[in-house]
């Protein structure tokens, strides 16, 4: 059974990790999130849940504006051949969240530690990172180092890699 946001918050508390959470209408895309969030300080994240040709699973979290080349990302993350997006069922089975709610916090539900967590290096420049707490009707701000500590505590030591590029100036 998948954890609830309350389960997640209780676990974070046991780790001594403080967060700030705001409630809002559900958002399913980065664009919807941008319109709703107002002036929340810190980095805002997009997440990709991918699988490679041999069934390897990867959760990539990057700044929301990062351009990620799906044709070559497998070379960066160590995937076996090209990657593709996981299905909604795979998302539920492995990360315990619904489409639109993908978050680095979802490693909390990967008890078998089948998912490799990857944080983009540009995201690590921010002290505060904002992500969904397992549902897309809330946004939780967490300190960068505490996000890494949380992920490590779940057995998902995140790899920090250059997974994409900043958008080009237009």
Foldseek 3Di string as FASTA:
>chain_A
DADDLVRLVVVLVVVVFDKDKDFAPFDQAPVSCVVPPPDDDAFEWDWFWKAAPVGQIEIEIEGRQFDFDQQCLCVFVVGDHGIDGDDQVVCCVQQVAGRSQDWLLSLLVRQVPRYAYEYEQVRLVIQWYWHHSRGRRMIMIGGPVSSQVSCVVSVHNYHYTHRGDHDDDD
